[in-house]
Amino acid sequence: MRRVVLYIAMSLDGFIADEEGCVDWLCTEDGVESTGSWEEFSKTFDTMIMGWNTYHQVRFELSPDEWVYKGYNTYVITHRDAESGEGVTFIHDDPCFLIERLRRVKSEKNIWICGGASVVRQLLDADLIDLFHISIIPVILGNGIRLFPSEGMMRKLHLSSVSHEGGIVELSYERNKNP
């Protein structure tokens, strides 16, 4: 069965964006943008899911001239009316229903949860994330958009790998199948 992978970066204090939703702090301790394990990871999935804010940031702020995820089936969870195209499908469904549907699609590749704290939280609540690959960026933001809720949830995970480059620590945890 296809695995659902959260592959995301966060600050040392647990934020995926600052208070304004900006991610310009995503760099090594030397201020260099790092690709880390992206090249290898990008070969492992064919489908990605993100929320509207993540889509809007990627499409209109980070890469306004081209859709950087060409070749991947992209689903954007939103309540907005938007026209699908460029391999992007806008979905008004609950992300949990979408995951259940996508897991039934025959594929050797995984499903990437690209972002959106709201999307991540819904999938966490339903215990649908199989692998957590989190890059810890060497910065303390102090405030912003938190990746994980600050209360009400506990998940036991199993550490599967650790690596580091330029001050960024990449942690991979698998969902503990025996809670």
N, C-alpha and C. Protein backbone atom coordinates (compact mmCIF):
# COMPACT_ATOMS: atom_id res chain seq x y z
N MET A 1 0.84 -1.18 0.00
CA MET A 1 0.00 0.00 0.00
C MET A 1 0.89 1.25 0.00
N ARG A 2 0.42 2.27 -0.66
CA ARG A 2 1.15 3.53 -0.72
C ARG A 2 1.27 4.14 0.67
N ARG A 3 2.42 4.71 0.92
CA ARG A 3 2.62 5.36 2.22
C ARG A 3 2.38 6.86 2.10
N VAL A 4 1.92 7.43 3.19
CA VAL A 4 1.69 8.86 3.27
C VAL A 4 2.87 9.45 4.05
N VAL A 5 3.58 10.39 3.39
CA VAL A 5 4.82 10.92 3.95
C VAL A 5 4.69 12.43 4.16
N LEU A 6 4.90 12.85 5.38
CA LEU A 6 5.02 14.27 5.66
C LEU A 6 6.49 14.61 5.52
N TYR A 7 6.83 15.40 4.52
CA TYR A 7 8.21 15.83 4.27
C TYR A 7 8.16 17.35 4.35
N ILE A 8 8.74 17.89 5.42
CA ILE A 8 8.55 19.31 5.69
C ILE A 8 9.72 19.84 6.52
N ALA A 9 9.90 21.13 6.49
CA ALA A 9 10.92 21.79 7.31
C ALA A 9 10.24 22.62 8.38
N MET A 10 10.91 22.72 9.53
CA MET A 10 10.38 23.57 10.58
C MET A 10 11.54 24.19 11.36
N SER A 11 11.24 25.27 12.05
CA SER A 11 12.23 25.91 12.90
C SER A 11 12.50 25.03 14.11
N LEU A 12 13.57 25.32 14.81
CA LEU A 12 13.91 24.55 16.00
C LEU A 12 12.78 24.56 17.03
N ASP A 13 12.02 25.65 17.06
CA ASP A 13 10.93 25.75 18.02
C ASP A 13 9.57 25.32 17.44
N GLY A 14 9.58 24.63 16.29
CA GLY A 14 8.38 23.95 15.82
C GLY A 14 7.47 24.69 14.87
N PHE A 15 7.94 25.76 14.22
CA PHE A 15 7.10 26.52 13.31
C PHE A 15 7.47 26.23 11.85
N ILE A 16 6.45 26.18 10.98
CA ILE A 16 6.70 25.94 9.55
C ILE A 16 6.69 27.23 8.74
N ALA A 17 6.27 28.31 9.36
CA ALA A 17 6.27 29.64 8.72
C ALA A 17 6.25 30.67 9.84
N ASP A 18 6.67 31.88 9.51
CA ASP A 18 6.62 32.94 10.52
C ASP A 18 5.19 33.46 10.65
N GLU A 19 4.99 34.51 11.42
CA GLU A 19 3.64 35.03 11.68
C GLU A 19 2.92 35.49 10.42
N GLU A 20 3.68 35.93 9.42
CA GLU A 20 3.08 36.39 8.15
C GLU A 20 2.98 35.26 7.14
N GLY A 21 3.39 34.06 7.51
CA GLY A 21 3.35 32.93 6.60
C GLY A 21 4.59 32.80 5.72
N CYS A 22 5.61 33.61 5.98
CA CYS A 22 6.84 33.60 5.17
C CYS A 22 7.77 32.46 5.58
N VAL A 23 8.52 31.97 4.59
CA VAL A 23 9.47 30.89 4.84
C VAL A 23 10.88 31.27 4.36
N ASP A 24 11.16 32.56 4.33
CA ASP A 24 12.46 33.02 3.84
C ASP A 24 13.61 32.67 4.79
N TRP A 25 13.33 32.09 5.92
CA TRP A 25 14.32 31.67 6.90
C TRP A 25 14.78 30.23 6.67
N LEU A 26 14.26 29.57 5.64
CA LEU A 26 14.61 28.17 5.36
C LEU A 26 15.98 28.09 4.68
N CYS A 27 17.04 28.11 5.49
CA CYS A 27 18.39 28.03 4.94
C CYS A 27 19.32 27.43 5.99
N THR A 28 20.53 27.12 5.55
CA THR A 28 21.52 26.55 6.46
C THR A 28 22.00 27.61 7.44
N GLU A 29 22.83 27.18 8.38
CA GLU A 29 23.36 28.14 9.35
C GLU A 29 24.26 29.19 8.70
N ASP A 30 24.74 28.91 7.49
CA ASP A 30 25.56 29.87 6.74
C ASP A 30 24.72 30.75 5.81
N GLY A 31 23.39 30.60 5.88
CA GLY A 31 22.51 31.40 5.05
C GLY A 31 22.33 30.89 3.63
N VAL A 32 22.78 29.66 3.36
CA VAL A 32 22.68 29.07 2.04
C VAL A 32 21.42 28.20 1.97
N GLU A 33 20.69 28.30 0.87
CA GLU A 33 19.53 27.44 0.70
C GLU A 33 20.01 26.01 0.50
N SER A 34 19.42 25.08 1.23
CA SER A 34 19.84 23.68 1.16
C SER A 34 18.76 22.83 0.51
N THR A 35 19.17 21.92 -0.33
CA THR A 35 18.21 20.98 -0.92
C THR A 35 18.15 19.70 -0.10
N GLY A 36 19.13 19.49 0.77
CA GLY A 36 19.13 18.33 1.66
C GLY A 36 18.86 17.05 0.92
N SER A 37 17.86 16.32 1.36
CA SER A 37 17.51 15.02 0.79
C SER A 37 16.45 15.12 -0.30
N TRP A 38 16.13 16.33 -0.74
CA TRP A 38 15.04 16.54 -1.70
C TRP A 38 15.18 15.69 -2.96
N GLU A 39 16.37 15.67 -3.55
CA GLU A 39 16.53 14.96 -4.83
C GLU A 39 16.16 13.49 -4.69
N GLU A 40 16.63 12.84 -3.65
CA GLU A 40 16.27 11.43 -3.44
C GLU A 40 14.80 11.28 -3.10
N PHE A 41 14.30 12.15 -2.23
CA PHE A 41 12.90 12.07 -1.83
C PHE A 41 11.97 12.25 -3.03
N SER A 42 12.30 13.17 -3.92
CA SER A 42 11.42 13.47 -5.06
C SER A 42 11.21 12.28 -5.98
N LYS A 43 12.04 11.27 -5.89
CA LYS A 43 11.88 10.06 -6.71
C LYS A 43 10.92 9.06 -6.08
N THR A 44 10.52 9.30 -4.83
CA THR A 44 9.74 8.31 -4.09
C THR A 44 8.23 8.53 -4.13
N PHE A 45 7.78 9.65 -4.68
CA PHE A 45 6.34 9.93 -4.68
C PHE A 45 5.90 10.37 -6.07
N ASP A 46 4.60 10.22 -6.34
CA ASP A 46 4.02 10.71 -7.59
C ASP A 46 2.81 11.59 -7.37
N THR A 47 2.41 11.68 -6.11
CA THR A 47 1.21 12.43 -5.74
C THR A 47 1.53 13.29 -4.53
N MET A 48 1.02 14.51 -4.56
CA MET A 48 1.25 15.40 -3.43
C MET A 48 -0.04 16.11 -3.04
N ILE A 49 -0.13 16.43 -1.76
CA ILE A 49 -1.29 17.12 -1.22
C ILE A 49 -0.80 18.33 -0.45
N MET A 50 -1.52 19.44 -0.64
CA MET A 50 -1.19 20.66 0.09
C MET A 50 -2.45 21.47 0.32
N GLY A 51 -2.38 22.38 1.24
CA GLY A 51 -3.48 23.31 1.47
C GLY A 51 -3.36 24.51 0.56
N TRP A 52 -4.40 25.34 0.55
CA TRP A 52 -4.43 26.52 -0.31
C TRP A 52 -3.28 27.48 -0.03
N ASN A 53 -2.99 27.75 1.24
CA ASN A 53 -1.94 28.71 1.55
C ASN A 53 -0.58 28.23 1.03
N THR A 54 -0.29 26.96 1.17
CA THR A 54 0.96 26.41 0.65
C THR A 54 0.99 26.52 -0.87
N TYR A 55 -0.11 26.15 -1.51
CA TYR A 55 -0.19 26.25 -2.98
C TYR A 55 0.05 27.70 -3.42
N HIS A 56 -0.66 28.61 -2.80
CA HIS A 56 -0.56 30.02 -3.18
C HIS A 56 0.88 30.53 -3.00
N GLN A 57 1.51 30.14 -1.91
CA GLN A 57 2.88 30.58 -1.67
C GLN A 57 3.85 30.02 -2.71
N VAL A 58 3.73 28.73 -3.01
CA VAL A 58 4.61 28.11 -4.01
C VAL A 58 4.36 28.72 -5.38
N ARG A 59 3.10 28.79 -5.76
CA ARG A 59 2.73 29.20 -7.13
C ARG A 59 2.95 30.68 -7.40
N PHE A 60 2.65 31.53 -6.43
CA PHE A 60 2.67 32.96 -6.70
C PHE A 60 3.81 33.74 -6.02
N GLU A 61 4.47 33.14 -5.03
CA GLU A 61 5.55 33.84 -4.35
C GLU A 61 6.91 33.20 -4.59
N LEU A 62 7.01 31.90 -4.34
CA LEU A 62 8.30 31.23 -4.45
C LEU A 62 8.70 30.91 -5.89
N SER A 63 7.71 30.62 -6.74
CA SER A 63 8.00 30.26 -8.13
C SER A 63 6.91 30.79 -9.06
N PRO A 64 6.81 32.10 -9.19
CA PRO A 64 5.70 32.68 -9.96
C PRO A 64 5.77 32.42 -11.47
N ASP A 65 6.94 32.09 -11.98
CA ASP A 65 7.08 31.92 -13.42
C ASP A 65 6.75 30.51 -13.93
N GLU A 66 6.84 29.53 -13.05
CA GLU A 66 6.53 28.16 -13.47
C GLU A 66 6.08 27.33 -12.28
N TRP A 67 5.29 26.32 -12.57
CA TRP A 67 4.86 25.38 -11.54
C TRP A 67 6.00 24.40 -11.33
N VAL A 68 6.63 24.44 -10.17
CA VAL A 68 7.83 23.65 -9.92
C VAL A 68 7.57 22.16 -9.70
N TYR A 69 6.31 21.78 -9.56
CA TYR A 69 5.99 20.38 -9.31
C TYR A 69 5.35 19.72 -10.53
N LYS A 70 5.80 20.11 -11.71
CA LYS A 70 5.32 19.47 -12.93
C LYS A 70 5.66 17.98 -12.87
N GLY A 71 4.76 17.16 -13.36
CA GLY A 71 5.01 15.72 -13.37
C GLY A 71 4.45 15.00 -12.16
N TYR A 72 4.00 15.75 -11.19
CA TYR A 72 3.39 15.15 -10.01
C TYR A 72 1.89 15.45 -10.02
N ASN A 73 1.10 14.51 -9.55
CA ASN A 73 -0.33 14.75 -9.37
C ASN A 73 -0.49 15.55 -8.09
N THR A 74 -0.96 16.77 -8.20
CA THR A 74 -1.06 17.66 -7.05
C THR A 74 -2.52 17.91 -6.72
N TYR A 75 -2.84 17.75 -5.44
CA TYR A 75 -4.18 18.02 -4.94
C TYR A 75 -4.08 19.15 -3.93
N VAL A 76 -4.89 20.17 -4.13
CA VAL A 76 -4.91 21.31 -3.22
C VAL A 76 -6.24 21.28 -2.47
N ILE A 77 -6.17 21.19 -1.15
CA ILE A 77 -7.36 21.19 -0.31
C ILE A 77 -7.77 22.63 -0.09
N THR A 78 -8.99 22.98 -0.51
CA THR A 78 -9.44 24.36 -0.39
C THR A 78 -10.96 24.44 -0.40
N HIS A 79 -11.46 25.53 0.14
CA HIS A 79 -12.89 25.84 0.04
C HIS A 79 -13.13 26.86 -1.06
N ARG A 80 -12.06 27.36 -1.64
CA ARG A 80 -12.18 28.36 -2.69
C ARG A 80 -12.54 27.70 -4.02
N ASP A 81 -13.19 28.48 -4.86
CA ASP A 81 -13.44 28.03 -6.23
C ASP A 81 -12.22 28.37 -7.06
N ALA A 82 -11.60 27.36 -7.62
CA ALA A 82 -10.42 27.56 -8.46
C ALA A 82 -10.47 26.54 -9.59
N GLU A 83 -9.92 26.92 -10.70
CA GLU A 83 -9.93 26.05 -11.87
C GLU A 83 -8.70 25.16 -11.87
N SER A 84 -8.90 23.86 -11.98
CA SER A 84 -7.80 22.91 -12.02
C SER A 84 -7.04 23.02 -13.33
N GLY A 85 -5.78 22.67 -13.30
CA GLY A 85 -4.93 22.70 -14.49
C GLY A 85 -3.48 22.53 -14.08
N GLU A 86 -2.58 22.38 -15.04
CA GLU A 86 -1.14 22.21 -14.79
C GLU A 86 -0.84 21.02 -13.89
N GLY A 87 -1.67 19.99 -13.91
CA GLY A 87 -1.46 18.85 -13.01
C GLY A 87 -1.93 19.11 -11.60
N VAL A 88 -2.64 20.24 -11.40
CA VAL A 88 -3.14 20.61 -10.08
C VAL A 88 -4.65 20.45 -10.06
N THR A 89 -5.15 19.74 -9.06
CA THR A 89 -6.58 19.54 -8.89
C THR A 89 -6.99 20.15 -7.56
N PHE A 90 -7.97 21.02 -7.60
CA PHE A 90 -8.48 21.64 -6.37
C PHE A 90 -9.61 20.78 -5.83
N ILE A 91 -9.50 20.42 -4.56
CA ILE A 91 -10.42 19.48 -3.92
C ILE A 91 -11.12 20.18 -2.75
N HIS A 92 -12.40 19.96 -2.65
CA HIS A 92 -13.17 20.53 -1.53
C HIS A 92 -13.45 19.47 -0.46
N ASP A 93 -12.92 18.27 -0.65
CA ASP A 93 -13.15 17.18 0.29
C ASP A 93 -12.25 17.27 1.51
N ASP A 94 -12.60 16.50 2.49
CA ASP A 94 -11.77 16.29 3.67
C ASP A 94 -10.49 15.59 3.20
N PRO A 95 -9.30 16.04 3.64
CA PRO A 95 -8.07 15.39 3.19
C PRO A 95 -7.98 13.92 3.58
N CYS A 96 -8.67 13.54 4.65
CA CYS A 96 -8.66 12.13 5.07
C CYS A 96 -9.36 11.25 4.05
N PHE A 97 -10.48 11.72 3.49
CA PHE A 97 -11.17 10.97 2.45
C PHE A 97 -10.30 10.88 1.21
N LEU A 98 -9.61 11.97 0.88
CA LEU A 98 -8.73 11.97 -0.27
C LEU A 98 -7.61 10.95 -0.10
N ILE A 99 -7.00 10.90 1.07
CA ILE A 99 -5.93 9.94 1.33
C ILE A 99 -6.45 8.52 1.16
N GLU A 100 -7.60 8.23 1.73
CA GLU A 100 -8.16 6.88 1.61
C GLU A 100 -8.38 6.51 0.15
N ARG A 101 -8.86 7.46 -0.65
CA ARG A 101 -9.09 7.22 -2.07
C ARG A 101 -7.77 7.02 -2.81
N LEU A 102 -6.78 7.87 -2.53
CA LEU A 102 -5.49 7.78 -3.21
C LEU A 102 -4.71 6.52 -2.85
N ARG A 103 -4.89 6.03 -1.65
CA ARG A 103 -4.21 4.79 -1.25
C ARG A 103 -4.69 3.60 -2.07
N ARG A 104 -5.90 3.68 -2.59
CA ARG A 104 -6.43 2.58 -3.40
C ARG A 104 -5.94 2.63 -4.85
N VAL A 105 -5.33 3.75 -5.24
CA VAL A 105 -4.79 3.88 -6.60
C VAL A 105 -3.51 3.05 -6.68
N LYS A 106 -3.46 2.19 -7.66
CA LYS A 106 -2.29 1.33 -7.81
C LYS A 106 -1.09 2.17 -8.22
N SER A 107 -0.08 2.17 -7.38
CA SER A 107 1.15 2.92 -7.65
C SER A 107 2.24 2.38 -6.74
N GLU A 108 3.44 2.39 -7.23
CA GLU A 108 4.60 2.00 -6.44
C GLU A 108 5.12 3.17 -5.62
N LYS A 109 4.58 4.34 -5.86
CA LYS A 109 5.11 5.55 -5.23
C LYS A 109 4.21 6.07 -4.12
N ASN A 110 4.81 6.87 -3.26
CA ASN A 110 4.14 7.38 -2.07
C ASN A 110 3.34 8.64 -2.35
N ILE A 111 2.65 9.08 -1.31
CA ILE A 111 1.87 10.32 -1.33
C ILE A 111 2.58 11.30 -0.40
N TRP A 112 2.93 12.46 -0.93
CA TRP A 112 3.64 13.46 -0.15
C TRP A 112 2.66 14.50 0.39
N ILE A 113 2.72 14.70 1.69
CA ILE A 113 1.99 15.80 2.31
C ILE A 113 2.98 16.97 2.34
N CYS A 114 2.75 17.91 1.44
CA CYS A 114 3.68 19.01 1.23
C CYS A 114 3.51 20.09 2.29
N GLY A 115 2.33 20.32 2.69
CA GLY A 115 2.18 21.37 3.67
C GLY A 115 0.77 21.84 3.85
N GLY A 116 0.77 22.68 4.81
CA GLY A 116 -0.44 23.23 5.33
C GLY A 116 -0.66 22.63 6.70
N ALA A 117 -0.47 23.44 7.72
CA ALA A 117 -0.63 22.96 9.09
C ALA A 117 -2.02 22.37 9.30
N SER A 118 -3.02 22.96 8.70
CA SER A 118 -4.39 22.46 8.85
C SER A 118 -4.54 21.07 8.25
N VAL A 119 -3.97 20.87 7.07
CA VAL A 119 -4.02 19.56 6.42
C VAL A 119 -3.29 18.53 7.27
N VAL A 120 -2.10 18.89 7.75
CA VAL A 120 -1.31 17.99 8.58
C VAL A 120 -2.08 17.61 9.83
N ARG A 121 -2.70 18.57 10.47
CA ARG A 121 -3.43 18.29 11.72
C ARG A 121 -4.60 17.35 11.49
N GLN A 122 -5.32 17.53 10.40
CA GLN A 122 -6.44 16.63 10.10
C GLN A 122 -5.95 15.21 9.88
N LEU A 123 -4.85 15.06 9.17
CA LEU A 123 -4.29 13.73 8.91
C LEU A 123 -3.71 13.12 10.18
N LEU A 124 -3.13 13.94 11.04
CA LEU A 124 -2.64 13.45 12.33
C LEU A 124 -3.80 12.95 13.19
N ASP A 125 -4.87 13.73 13.24
CA ASP A 125 -6.04 13.33 14.03
C ASP A 125 -6.56 11.97 13.60
N ALA A 126 -6.50 11.69 12.30
CA ALA A 126 -6.99 10.42 11.76
C ALA A 126 -5.89 9.36 11.72
N ASP A 127 -4.69 9.69 12.19
CA ASP A 127 -3.55 8.77 12.21
C ASP A 127 -3.25 8.20 10.82
N LEU A 128 -3.18 9.10 9.83
CA LEU A 128 -2.97 8.68 8.45
C LEU A 128 -1.57 8.95 7.91
N ILE A 129 -0.69 9.51 8.71
CA ILE A 129 0.67 9.78 8.24
C ILE A 129 1.55 8.61 8.67
N ASP A 130 2.21 8.00 7.67
CA ASP A 130 3.05 6.83 7.92
C ASP A 130 4.49 7.19 8.25
N LEU A 131 5.01 8.22 7.60
CA LEU A 131 6.40 8.60 7.77
C LEU A 131 6.49 10.12 7.95
N PHE A 132 7.24 10.54 8.94
CA PHE A 132 7.46 11.95 9.23
C PHE A 132 8.92 12.25 8.91
N HIS A 133 9.17 13.00 7.85
CA HIS A 133 10.53 13.41 7.50
C HIS A 133 10.59 14.92 7.74
N ILE A 134 11.27 15.29 8.81
CA ILE A 134 11.26 16.68 9.23
C ILE A 134 12.68 17.23 9.25
N SER A 135 12.88 18.32 8.53
CA SER A 135 14.15 19.02 8.54
C SER A 135 14.07 20.14 9.56
N ILE A 136 14.98 20.12 10.53
CA ILE A 136 15.01 21.13 11.57
C ILE A 136 16.00 22.21 11.11
N ILE A 137 15.48 23.41 10.89
CA ILE A 137 16.27 24.54 10.43
C ILE A 137 16.86 25.26 11.64
N PRO A 138 18.14 25.64 11.59
CA PRO A 138 18.78 26.26 12.76
C PRO A 138 18.35 27.71 12.99
N VAL A 139 17.09 27.87 13.35
CA VAL A 139 16.55 29.19 13.66
C VAL A 139 15.43 29.02 14.68
N ILE A 140 15.33 29.96 15.59
CA ILE A 140 14.22 30.01 16.53
C ILE A 140 13.37 31.20 16.14
N LEU A 141 12.13 30.94 15.72
CA LEU A 141 11.25 32.02 15.26
C LEU A 141 10.52 32.71 16.41
N GLY A 142 10.22 31.97 17.46
CA GLY A 142 9.51 32.57 18.59
C GLY A 142 8.01 32.60 18.43
N ASN A 143 7.54 32.65 17.18
CA ASN A 143 6.10 32.67 16.92
C ASN A 143 5.89 32.38 15.44
N GLY A 144 4.68 31.99 15.11
CA GLY A 144 4.38 31.70 13.71
C GLY A 144 3.32 30.62 13.59
N ILE A 145 3.41 29.88 12.49
CA ILE A 145 2.46 28.80 12.24
C ILE A 145 3.10 27.51 12.72
N ARG A 146 2.52 26.95 13.75
CA ARG A 146 3.06 25.74 14.38
C ARG A 146 2.71 24.51 13.54
N LEU A 147 3.69 23.61 13.40
CA LEU A 147 3.44 22.38 12.66
C LEU A 147 2.49 21.46 13.42
N PHE A 148 2.80 21.21 14.67
CA PHE A 148 1.99 20.29 15.46
C PHE A 148 1.17 21.07 16.48
N PRO A 149 -0.02 20.59 16.77
CA PRO A 149 -0.84 21.27 17.78
C PRO A 149 -0.12 21.25 19.13
N SER A 150 -0.36 22.26 19.93
CA SER A 150 0.34 22.36 21.21
C SER A 150 -0.31 21.52 22.31
N GLU A 151 -1.48 20.97 22.03
CA GLU A 151 -2.13 20.14 23.06
C GLU A 151 -3.08 19.14 22.42
N GLY A 152 -3.43 18.14 23.21
CA GLY A 152 -4.49 17.24 22.82
C GLY A 152 -4.11 16.05 21.97
N MET A 153 -2.83 15.82 21.72
CA MET A 153 -2.49 14.70 20.85
C MET A 153 -1.14 14.11 21.26
N MET A 154 -1.08 12.79 21.25
CA MET A 154 0.20 12.12 21.47
C MET A 154 0.34 11.03 20.42
N ARG A 155 1.50 10.96 19.80
CA ARG A 155 1.82 9.92 18.83
C ARG A 155 3.20 9.38 19.17
N LYS A 156 3.31 8.08 19.28
CA LYS A 156 4.61 7.46 19.48
C LYS A 156 5.16 7.09 18.11
N LEU A 157 6.42 7.44 17.88
CA LEU A 157 7.04 7.24 16.59
C LEU A 157 8.33 6.45 16.78
N HIS A 158 8.79 5.88 15.67
CA HIS A 158 10.04 5.11 15.67
C HIS A 158 11.05 5.82 14.77
N LEU A 159 12.21 6.18 15.33
CA LEU A 159 13.24 6.87 14.56
C LEU A 159 13.82 5.91 13.53
N SER A 160 13.79 6.31 12.24
CA SER A 160 14.34 5.46 11.19
C SER A 160 15.63 6.00 10.59
N SER A 161 15.86 7.32 10.64
CA SER A 161 17.14 7.85 10.16
C SER A 161 17.36 9.27 10.65
N VAL A 162 18.64 9.64 10.69
CA VAL A 162 19.07 10.99 11.07
C VAL A 162 20.22 11.37 10.15
N SER A 163 20.19 12.59 9.64
CA SER A 163 21.33 13.11 8.88
C SER A 163 21.41 14.60 9.13
N HIS A 164 22.53 15.20 8.73
CA HIS A 164 22.66 16.64 8.92
C HIS A 164 23.58 17.22 7.85
N GLU A 165 23.32 18.48 7.53
CA GLU A 165 24.13 19.21 6.56
C GLU A 165 23.92 20.70 6.80
N GLY A 166 25.00 21.45 6.94
CA GLY A 166 24.91 22.90 7.08
C GLY A 166 24.10 23.36 8.27
N GLY A 167 24.09 22.57 9.34
CA GLY A 167 23.32 22.93 10.52
C GLY A 167 21.89 22.45 10.50
N ILE A 168 21.43 21.95 9.36
CA ILE A 168 20.06 21.41 9.25
C ILE A 168 20.10 19.93 9.61
N VAL A 169 19.23 19.54 10.51
CA VAL A 169 19.14 18.14 10.92
C VAL A 169 17.87 17.56 10.30
N GLU A 170 18.02 16.45 9.60
CA GLU A 170 16.87 15.77 9.00
C GLU A 170 16.57 14.52 9.81
N LEU A 171 15.34 14.45 10.29
CA LEU A 171 14.88 13.33 11.10
C LEU A 171 13.78 12.59 10.35
N SER A 172 13.85 11.28 10.33
CA SER A 172 12.77 10.48 9.75
C SER A 172 12.23 9.56 10.83
N TYR A 173 10.93 9.65 11.03
CA TYR A 173 10.25 8.81 12.01
C TYR A 173 9.12 8.06 11.32
N GLU A 174 8.97 6.78 11.69
CA GLU A 174 7.84 6.02 11.19
C GLU A 174 6.78 5.94 12.28
N ARG A 175 5.53 5.90 11.82
CA ARG A 175 4.43 5.77 12.75
C ARG A 175 4.56 4.45 13.48
N ASN A 176 4.40 4.48 14.77
CA ASN A 176 4.45 3.27 15.57
C ASN A 176 3.17 2.50 15.34
N LYS A 177 3.27 1.33 14.77
CA LYS A 177 2.08 0.54 14.44
C LYS A 177 1.45 -0.13 15.66
N ASN A 178 2.17 -0.09 16.78
CA ASN A 178 1.64 -0.65 18.04
C ASN A 178 1.52 0.48 19.06
N PRO A 179 0.42 1.24 19.01
CA PRO A 179 0.29 2.41 19.90
C PRO A 179 0.32 2.07 21.38
